Amino acid sequence: MAVTYRLTEHAQGLGPAMDALRMWAGAPVNEEGQLLPHTEADEPGHGVSTDCDASA
């Protein structure tokens, strides 16, 4: 599952929470643990696949 979001100017304060959610979900990070920018590789069918059992 892939989700793309764009925060409106009014909702910019939610940015840190959305970044934390991306990290929790396994978004790629650099050596310092900072999120890497969203790229085309993040789109469905590209990048890292994860094995998840949604029935649990």
N, C-alpha and C. Protein backbone atom coordinates (compact mmCIF):
# COMPACT_ATOMS: atom_id res chain seq x y z
N MET A 1 0.85 -1.16 0.00
CA MET A 1 0.00 0.00 0.00
C MET A 1 0.89 1.23 0.00
N ALA A 2 0.54 2.18 -0.80
CA ALA A 2 1.27 3.44 -0.84
C ALA A 2 0.29 4.58 -0.63
N VAL A 3 0.71 5.55 0.13
CA VAL A 3 -0.13 6.72 0.39
C VAL A 3 0.69 7.96 0.08
N THR A 4 0.11 8.87 -0.66
CA THR A 4 0.74 10.15 -0.93
C THR A 4 -0.10 11.23 -0.28
N TYR A 5 0.53 12.14 0.41
CA TYR A 5 -0.21 13.23 1.04
C TYR A 5 0.53 14.53 0.81
N ARG A 6 -0.22 15.58 0.79
CA ARG A 6 0.33 16.93 0.72
C ARG A 6 -0.41 17.75 1.77
N LEU A 7 0.34 18.34 2.67
CA LEU A 7 -0.28 19.14 3.71
C LEU A 7 -0.58 20.53 3.18
N THR A 8 -1.77 21.01 3.48
CA THR A 8 -2.11 22.38 3.11
C THR A 8 -1.31 23.34 3.99
N GLU A 9 -1.27 24.59 3.61
CA GLU A 9 -0.55 25.58 4.41
C GLU A 9 -1.09 25.61 5.84
N HIS A 10 -2.39 25.46 5.98
CA HIS A 10 -3.03 25.47 7.30
C HIS A 10 -2.61 24.27 8.15
N ALA A 11 -2.28 23.15 7.51
CA ALA A 11 -1.96 21.92 8.23
C ALA A 11 -0.46 21.65 8.35
N GLN A 12 0.39 22.61 8.04
CA GLN A 12 1.83 22.40 8.07
C GLN A 12 2.33 21.94 9.44
N GLY A 13 1.61 22.27 10.49
CA GLY A 13 2.00 21.84 11.84
C GLY A 13 1.96 20.34 12.02
N LEU A 14 1.27 19.63 11.14
CA LEU A 14 1.20 18.17 11.23
C LEU A 14 2.42 17.49 10.61
N GLY A 15 3.29 18.26 9.97
CA GLY A 15 4.45 17.70 9.29
C GLY A 15 5.28 16.76 10.15
N PRO A 16 5.68 17.14 11.37
CA PRO A 16 6.48 16.24 12.20
C PRO A 16 5.76 14.93 12.52
N ALA A 17 4.47 14.98 12.75
CA ALA A 17 3.71 13.76 13.02
C ALA A 17 3.67 12.87 11.79
N MET A 18 3.50 13.47 10.62
CA MET A 18 3.48 12.69 9.39
C MET A 18 4.86 12.08 9.11
N ASP A 19 5.93 12.81 9.41
CA ASP A 19 7.27 12.26 9.25
C ASP A 19 7.49 11.08 10.19
N ALA A 20 7.02 11.20 11.43
CA ALA A 20 7.14 10.10 12.39
C ALA A 20 6.38 8.88 11.89
N LEU A 21 5.23 9.09 11.32
CA LEU A 21 4.45 7.98 10.77
C LEU A 21 5.19 7.33 9.60
N ARG A 22 5.80 8.13 8.74
CA ARG A 22 6.59 7.58 7.63
C ARG A 22 7.75 6.73 8.16
N MET A 23 8.43 7.21 9.20
CA MET A 23 9.54 6.45 9.77
C MET A 23 9.03 5.15 10.37
N TRP A 24 7.93 5.19 11.09
CA TRP A 24 7.34 4.00 11.69
C TRP A 24 6.98 2.98 10.61
N ALA A 25 6.52 3.47 9.47
CA ALA A 25 6.10 2.59 8.38
C ALA A 25 7.28 2.07 7.57
N GLY A 26 8.49 2.50 7.88
CA GLY A 26 9.66 1.96 7.21
C GLY A 26 10.18 2.78 6.05
N ALA A 27 9.88 4.06 6.01
CA ALA A 27 10.40 4.92 4.95
C ALA A 27 11.92 4.96 5.04
N PRO A 28 12.60 5.12 3.91
CA PRO A 28 14.07 5.13 3.94
C PRO A 28 14.62 6.36 4.67
N VAL A 29 15.71 6.12 5.41
CA VAL A 29 16.38 7.19 6.15
C VAL A 29 17.86 7.18 5.80
N ASN A 30 18.54 8.30 6.07
CA ASN A 30 19.99 8.37 5.83
C ASN A 30 20.74 7.86 7.06
N GLU A 31 22.07 7.99 7.05
CA GLU A 31 22.90 7.48 8.14
C GLU A 31 22.58 8.14 9.48
N GLU A 32 22.09 9.39 9.43
CA GLU A 32 21.74 10.10 10.67
C GLU A 32 20.32 9.84 11.12
N GLY A 33 19.59 8.99 10.40
CA GLY A 33 18.21 8.68 10.77
C GLY A 33 17.20 9.67 10.27
N GLN A 34 17.61 10.57 9.37
CA GLN A 34 16.68 11.56 8.82
C GLN A 34 16.01 10.98 7.59
N LEU A 35 14.73 11.27 7.43
CA LEU A 35 13.98 10.76 6.29
C LEU A 35 14.57 11.24 4.98
N LEU A 36 14.63 10.34 4.00
CA LEU A 36 15.03 10.73 2.66
C LEU A 36 13.81 11.31 1.95
N PRO A 37 14.01 12.26 1.06
CA PRO A 37 12.88 12.85 0.34
C PRO A 37 12.13 11.79 -0.48
N HIS A 38 10.85 12.01 -0.65
CA HIS A 38 10.03 11.12 -1.48
C HIS A 38 10.54 11.18 -2.91
N THR A 39 10.69 10.02 -3.53
CA THR A 39 11.15 9.95 -4.92
C THR A 39 10.24 9.03 -5.71
N GLU A 40 10.46 8.98 -7.00
CA GLU A 40 9.68 8.09 -7.86
C GLU A 40 9.87 6.63 -7.43
N ALA A 41 11.02 6.31 -6.85
CA ALA A 41 11.29 4.95 -6.39
C ALA A 41 10.34 4.54 -5.27
N ASP A 42 9.71 5.51 -4.61
CA ASP A 42 8.76 5.20 -3.54
C ASP A 42 7.40 4.80 -4.08
N GLU A 43 7.18 4.98 -5.37
CA GLU A 43 5.89 4.67 -5.97
C GLU A 43 5.67 3.16 -5.99
N PRO A 44 4.41 2.71 -6.02
CA PRO A 44 4.12 1.27 -6.05
C PRO A 44 4.86 0.59 -7.20
N GLY A 45 5.39 -0.59 -6.92
CA GLY A 45 6.10 -1.34 -7.93
C GLY A 45 7.58 -1.04 -8.00
N HIS A 46 8.06 -0.12 -7.18
CA HIS A 46 9.47 0.26 -7.16
C HIS A 46 9.99 0.16 -5.73
N GLY A 47 11.29 0.19 -5.60
CA GLY A 47 11.90 0.29 -4.28
C GLY A 47 11.86 -1.00 -3.49
N VAL A 48 11.87 -0.86 -2.18
CA VAL A 48 11.95 -2.00 -1.27
C VAL A 48 10.57 -2.58 -1.05
N SER A 49 10.49 -3.89 -1.10
CA SER A 49 9.22 -4.53 -0.78
C SER A 49 9.31 -5.05 0.65
N THR A 50 8.19 -5.09 1.32
CA THR A 50 8.16 -5.60 2.68
C THR A 50 7.17 -6.74 2.74
N ASP A 51 7.48 -7.72 3.55
CA ASP A 51 6.58 -8.85 3.75
C ASP A 51 5.78 -8.57 5.01
N CYS A 52 4.49 -8.37 4.83
CA CYS A 52 3.62 -8.08 5.96
C CYS A 52 2.42 -9.01 5.92
N ASP A 53 2.00 -9.47 7.06
CA ASP A 53 0.80 -10.29 7.16
C ASP A 53 -0.30 -9.42 7.73
N ALA A 54 -1.17 -8.93 6.87
CA ALA A 54 -2.23 -8.01 7.29
C ALA A 54 -3.31 -8.72 8.10
N SER A 55 -3.29 -10.05 8.14
CA SER A 55 -4.34 -10.76 8.87
C SER A 55 -4.06 -10.81 10.37
N ALA A 56 -2.85 -10.44 10.78
CA ALA A 56 -2.48 -10.52 12.20
C ALA A 56 -3.16 -9.47 13.01
